[in-house]
Amino acid sequence: MSERTLEIRPTEESLERRVLDMRKRLTGVGNKKRFEAHSRIVEKARKLEAKHKNSNRVYLLHTMTASSGIERKICPDFDFQGEDSVVTIMENLCKEYEV
């Protein structure tokens, strides 16, 4: 009998919470470079907006930039793919700032 590997994919809700948590760690009072980190988040978001014509349709981009009043149901896309993934970008920033 062979063993099966079950791949558990994170839910959108858990990924959203993760991005919010990373943003809080990057821009919170515990990070001495929080203002620099905030500027880097904004810079990364602007690059994504310039690269992707319909970036305003991507929910996690709004989460990353702390846009208020944006609900998931009005954003048809959740995240970008590959190296443009908001989750990946935020993870990389957390590593860079060691938070």
C-alpha atoms as a PDB file:
ATOM      1  CA  MET A   1       0.000   0.000   0.000  1.00  0.00           C
ATOM      2  CA  SER A   2       1.481   3.355  -1.004  1.00  0.00           C
ATOM      3  CA  GLU A   3       1.367   6.481   1.078  1.00  0.00           C
ATOM      4  CA  ARG A   4      -0.411   9.448  -0.391  1.00  0.00           C
ATOM      5  CA  THR A   5       0.740  12.955   0.223  1.00  0.00           C
ATOM      6  CA  LEU A   6      -2.091  15.295   0.869  1.00  0.00           C
ATOM      7  CA  GLU A   7      -1.429  18.866  -0.188  1.00  0.00           C
ATOM      8  CA  ILE A   8      -3.269  21.318   1.990  1.00  0.00           C
ATOM      9  CA  ARG A   9      -3.657  24.668   0.299  1.00  0.00           C
ATOM     10  CA  PRO A  10      -4.159  27.724   2.445  1.00  0.00           C
ATOM     11  CA  THR A  11      -7.546  29.376   2.282  1.00  0.00           C
ATOM     12  CA  GLU A  12      -8.001  32.927   1.032  1.00  0.00           C
ATOM     13  CA  GLU A  13      -8.944  33.934   4.554  1.00  0.00           C
ATOM     14  CA  SER A  14      -5.751  32.487   6.038  1.00  0.00           C
ATOM     15  CA  LEU A  15      -3.622  34.180   3.357  1.00  0.00           C
ATOM     16  CA  GLU A  16      -5.350  37.501   3.987  1.00  0.00           C
ATOM     17  CA  ARG A  17      -4.659  37.174   7.731  1.00  0.00           C
ATOM     18  CA  ARG A  18      -1.050  36.325   6.945  1.00  0.00           C
ATOM     19  CA  VAL A  19      -0.583  39.436   4.775  1.00  0.00           C
ATOM     20  CA  LEU A  20      -2.210  41.587   7.479  1.00  0.00           C
ATOM     21  CA  ASP A  21       0.062  40.061  10.124  1.00  0.00           C
ATOM     22  CA  MET A  22       3.180  40.623   8.005  1.00  0.00           C
ATOM     23  CA  ARG A  23       2.137  44.226   7.340  1.00  0.00           C
ATOM     24  CA  LYS A  24       1.659  44.765  11.072  1.00  0.00           C
ATOM     25  CA  ARG A  25       5.097  43.299  11.842  1.00  0.00           C
ATOM     26  CA  LEU A  26       6.730  45.428   9.139  1.00  0.00           C
ATOM     27  CA  THR A  27       5.070  48.725  10.063  1.00  0.00           C
ATOM     28  CA  GLY A  28       4.484  48.227  13.781  1.00  0.00           C
ATOM     29  CA  VAL A  29       6.296  49.964  16.619  1.00  0.00           C
ATOM     30  CA  GLY A  30       8.429  46.873  17.215  1.00  0.00           C
ATOM     31  CA  ASN A  31      10.260  47.480  13.932  1.00  0.00           C
ATOM     32  CA  LYS A  32      12.738  50.354  14.248  1.00  0.00           C
ATOM     33  CA  LYS A  33      12.736  50.666  10.458  1.00  0.00           C
ATOM     34  CA  ARG A  34       8.940  50.740  10.211  1.00  0.00           C
ATOM     35  CA  PHE A  35       8.791  53.945   8.147  1.00  0.00           C
ATOM     36  CA  GLU A  36      11.314  52.580   5.683  1.00  0.00           C
ATOM     37  CA  ALA A  37       9.396  49.294   5.544  1.00  0.00           C
ATOM     38  CA  HIS A  38       6.154  51.172   4.879  1.00  0.00           C
ATOM     39  CA  SER A  39       7.821  53.025   2.001  1.00  0.00           C
ATOM     40  CA  ARG A  40       9.028  49.716   0.580  1.00  0.00           C
ATOM     41  CA  ILE A  41       5.493  48.278   0.719  1.00  0.00           C
ATOM     42  CA  VAL A  42       4.186  51.314  -1.164  1.00  0.00           C
ATOM     43  CA  GLU A  43       7.033  51.049  -3.698  1.00  0.00           C
ATOM     44  CA  LYS A  44       6.313  47.356  -4.338  1.00  0.00           C
ATOM     45  CA  ALA A  45       2.588  48.082  -4.713  1.00  0.00           C
ATOM     46  CA  ARG A  46       3.246  50.847  -7.241  1.00  0.00           C
ATOM     47  CA  LYS A  47       5.456  48.527  -9.282  1.00  0.00           C
ATOM     48  CA  LEU A  48       2.683  45.936  -9.350  1.00  0.00           C
ATOM     49  CA  GLU A  49       0.166  48.589 -10.371  1.00  0.00           C
ATOM     50  CA  ALA A  50       2.430  49.736 -13.213  1.00  0.00           C
ATOM     51  CA  LYS A  51       3.064  46.178 -14.386  1.00  0.00           C
ATOM     52  CA  HIS A  52      -0.516  44.878 -14.197  1.00  0.00           C
ATOM     53  CA  LYS A  53      -3.185  46.910 -15.936  1.00  0.00           C
ATOM     54  CA  ASN A  54      -6.014  45.492 -13.822  1.00  0.00           C
ATOM     55  CA  SER A  55      -4.187  45.524 -10.494  1.00  0.00           C
ATOM     56  CA  ASN A  56      -7.128  47.256  -8.789  1.00  0.00           C
ATOM     57  CA  ARG A  57      -9.023  43.968  -9.198  1.00  0.00           C
ATOM     58  CA  VAL A  58      -6.548  42.053  -6.990  1.00  0.00           C
ATOM     59  CA  TYR A  59      -7.746  41.811  -3.404  1.00  0.00           C
ATOM     60  CA  LEU A  60      -4.424  41.136  -1.663  1.00  0.00           C
ATOM     61  CA  LEU A  61      -2.905  44.238  -3.246  1.00  0.00           C
ATOM     62  CA  HIS A  62      -5.529  46.264  -1.389  1.00  0.00           C
ATOM     63  CA  THR A  63      -4.762  44.297   1.775  1.00  0.00           C
ATOM     64  CA  MET A  64      -1.032  44.919   1.351  1.00  0.00           C
ATOM     65  CA  THR A  65      -1.527  48.675   1.074  1.00  0.00           C
ATOM     66  CA  ALA A  66      -4.180  48.822   3.806  1.00  0.00           C
ATOM     67  CA  SER A  67      -6.835  50.189   1.462  1.00  0.00           C
ATOM     68  CA  SER A  68      -9.975  50.653   3.479  1.00  0.00           C
ATOM     69  CA  GLY A  69     -13.451  49.700   2.445  1.00  0.00           C
ATOM     70  CA  ILE A  70     -12.422  47.115  -0.168  1.00  0.00           C
ATOM     71  CA  GLU A  71     -14.383  43.902   0.126  1.00  0.00           C
ATOM     72  CA  ARG A  72     -13.332  40.580  -1.361  1.00  0.00           C
ATOM     73  CA  LYS A  73     -16.580  40.222  -3.276  1.00  0.00           C
ATOM     74  CA  ILE A  74     -15.823  43.268  -5.465  1.00  0.00           C
ATOM     75  CA  CYS A  75     -12.330  42.024  -6.419  1.00  0.00           C
ATOM     76  CA  PRO A  76     -12.495  39.198  -8.955  1.00  0.00           C
ATOM     77  CA  ASP A  77      -8.840  38.249  -8.431  1.00  0.00           C
ATOM     78  CA  PHE A  78      -7.248  37.299  -5.128  1.00  0.00           C
ATOM     79  CA  ASP A  79      -3.475  37.492  -5.722  1.00  0.00           C
ATOM     80  CA  PHE A  80      -0.932  37.791  -8.495  1.00  0.00           C
ATOM     81  CA  GLN A  81       0.932  34.702  -9.656  1.00  0.00           C
ATOM     82  CA  GLY A  82       4.607  33.790  -9.275  1.00  0.00           C
ATOM     83  CA  GLU A  83       7.125  36.436  -8.292  1.00  0.00           C
ATOM     84  CA  ASP A  84       4.395  39.085  -8.249  1.00  0.00           C
ATOM     85  CA  SER A  85       2.428  37.300  -5.530  1.00  0.00           C
ATOM     86  CA  VAL A  86       1.638  39.710  -2.696  1.00  0.00           C
ATOM     87  CA  VAL A  87       2.214  36.895  -0.198  1.00  0.00           C
ATOM     88  CA  THR A  88       5.692  36.238  -1.619  1.00  0.00           C
ATOM     89  CA  ILE A  89       6.575  39.938  -1.715  1.00  0.00           C
ATOM     90  CA  MET A  90       5.516  40.421   1.907  1.00  0.00           C
ATOM     91  CA  GLU A  91       7.398  37.289   3.012  1.00  0.00           C
ATOM     92  CA  ASN A  92      10.531  38.613   1.320  1.00  0.00           C
ATOM     93  CA  LEU A  93      10.162  42.003   3.013  1.00  0.00           C
ATOM     94  CA  CYS A  94       9.754  40.300   6.397  1.00  0.00           C
ATOM     95  CA  LYS A  95      12.977  38.368   5.796  1.00  0.00           C
ATOM     96  CA  GLU A  96      14.755  41.523   4.681  1.00  0.00           C
ATOM     97  CA  TYR A  97      13.670  43.460   7.783  1.00  0.00           C
ATOM     98  CA  GLU A  98      14.032  40.379  10.021  1.00  0.00           C
ATOM     99  CA  VAL A  99      10.552  40.662  11.504  1.00  0.00           C
END
